[in-house]
Amino acid sequence: MDKAWHGLALVLDRAGVSTAVVFGDEQVPGADDWGYGPPSSLRPERVAELAAVLRSLDLQGVVEAVPAEAFVEADIYPRASGTRLALGSTLLVISNG
């Protein structure tokens, strides 16, 4: 997914969902930096909690609520065109043109 993780986090954050879904809550003890910082994880009960939140979302509505300009403003895909971000069966294609 490369940088699509940041796009996914933006969409979910705009929907009021914790970005822990993407980035985790707790740093993995003793883990080295993997280029973007050390990896993070979620405890099983947190996974269950966030999974319930995700199941309750109207994925189409969540994706449609974030205009392509929001990705540019957040400096996530400032020059990307045609970047694809899948959220469940909903596909968001970011286009600057």
Protein backbone atom coordinates (compact mmCIF):
# COMPACT_ATOMS: atom_id res chain seq x y z
CA MET A 1 0.00 0.00 0.00
CA ASP A 2 3.03 2.26 0.29
CA LYS A 3 1.77 5.77 1.10
CA ALA A 4 -1.87 4.75 0.69
CA TRP A 5 -1.81 4.12 4.45
CA HIS A 6 -1.77 7.88 4.98
CA GLY A 7 -4.70 8.32 2.63
CA LEU A 8 -6.61 5.62 4.44
CA ALA A 9 -5.83 7.29 7.77
CA LEU A 10 -7.10 10.64 6.45
CA VAL A 11 -10.38 9.13 5.27
CA LEU A 12 -10.94 7.26 8.53
CA ASP A 13 -9.96 10.24 10.69
CA ARG A 14 -12.48 12.42 8.83
CA ALA A 15 -15.09 9.76 9.69
CA GLY A 16 -14.18 9.96 13.37
CA VAL A 17 -12.36 6.63 13.43
CA SER A 18 -9.11 6.36 15.35
CA THR A 19 -6.06 6.26 13.10
CA ALA A 20 -4.84 3.45 15.34
CA VAL A 21 -6.63 1.27 12.80
CA VAL A 22 -3.79 2.13 10.44
CA PHE A 23 -0.85 3.02 12.66
CA GLY A 24 -1.42 1.02 15.86
CA ASP A 25 -1.60 2.22 19.44
CA GLU A 26 1.55 0.95 21.07
CA GLN A 27 5.12 0.86 19.88
CA VAL A 28 6.47 -2.70 19.68
CA PRO A 29 9.00 -2.96 22.53
CA GLY A 30 12.58 -3.27 21.37
CA ALA A 31 11.70 -2.88 17.68
CA ASP A 32 14.05 -0.99 15.42
CA ASP A 33 13.04 1.92 13.22
CA TRP A 34 11.76 0.57 9.89
CA GLY A 35 12.19 3.84 8.03
CA TYR A 36 8.98 5.46 9.27
CA GLY A 37 9.64 4.80 12.93
CA PRO A 38 9.34 1.59 14.88
CA PRO A 39 6.30 -0.63 14.22
CA SER A 40 3.23 -0.31 16.40
CA SER A 41 0.58 -2.82 17.38
CA LEU A 42 -2.92 -3.19 18.75
CA ARG A 43 -4.00 -5.35 21.67
CA PRO A 44 -6.65 -7.98 20.80
CA GLU A 45 -9.42 -6.15 22.65
CA ARG A 46 -8.58 -2.95 20.75
CA VAL A 47 -8.69 -4.86 17.45
CA ALA A 48 -12.19 -6.07 18.33
CA GLU A 49 -13.28 -2.55 19.31
CA LEU A 50 -11.95 -0.97 16.10
CA ALA A 51 -13.33 -3.81 13.95
CA ALA A 52 -16.81 -3.09 15.34
CA VAL A 53 -16.40 0.59 14.49
CA LEU A 54 -15.30 -0.25 10.94
CA ARG A 55 -18.23 -2.65 10.45
CA SER A 56 -20.63 0.15 11.38
CA LEU A 57 -19.36 2.54 8.72
CA ASP A 58 -21.08 3.39 5.47
CA LEU A 59 -17.87 2.94 3.46
CA GLN A 60 -19.19 4.61 0.34
CA GLY A 61 -20.26 7.64 2.37
CA VAL A 62 -16.96 7.77 4.25
CA VAL A 63 -14.98 7.84 1.02
CA GLU A 64 -17.27 10.31 -0.72
CA ALA A 65 -17.04 12.70 2.26
CA VAL A 66 -13.36 13.38 1.56
CA PRO A 67 -12.73 15.38 -1.61
CA ALA A 68 -9.54 14.78 -3.60
CA GLU A 69 -8.38 18.28 -2.62
CA ALA A 70 -8.13 17.13 1.00
CA PHE A 71 -5.33 14.76 0.03
CA VAL A 72 -3.47 17.58 -1.68
CA GLU A 73 -3.99 19.91 1.30
CA ALA A 74 -2.71 17.21 3.66
CA ASP A 75 0.33 16.77 1.38
CA ILE A 76 -0.43 13.07 1.02
CA TYR A 77 -0.62 12.81 -2.75
CA PRO A 78 0.15 16.29 -4.02
CA ARG A 79 1.09 15.18 -7.52
CA ALA A 80 -0.47 11.75 -7.73
CA SER A 81 -3.17 11.06 -10.21
CA GLY A 82 -5.06 7.83 -10.40
CA THR A 83 -3.90 6.62 -6.98
CA ARG A 84 -6.24 3.91 -5.77
CA LEU A 85 -7.32 3.46 -2.18
CA ALA A 86 -9.58 0.55 -1.31
CA LEU A 87 -11.78 0.70 1.78
CA GLY A 88 -13.75 -2.50 1.93
CA SER A 89 -15.44 -2.91 -1.44
CA THR A 90 -15.33 0.88 -1.98
CA LEU A 91 -12.57 2.17 -4.20
CA LEU A 92 -11.36 5.77 -4.07
CA VAL A 93 -9.35 6.98 -7.03
CA ILE A 94 -7.50 10.22 -6.36
CA SER A 95 -7.31 12.37 -9.46
CA ASN A 96 -5.86 15.85 -9.73
CA GLY A 97 -7.05 16.44 -13.24
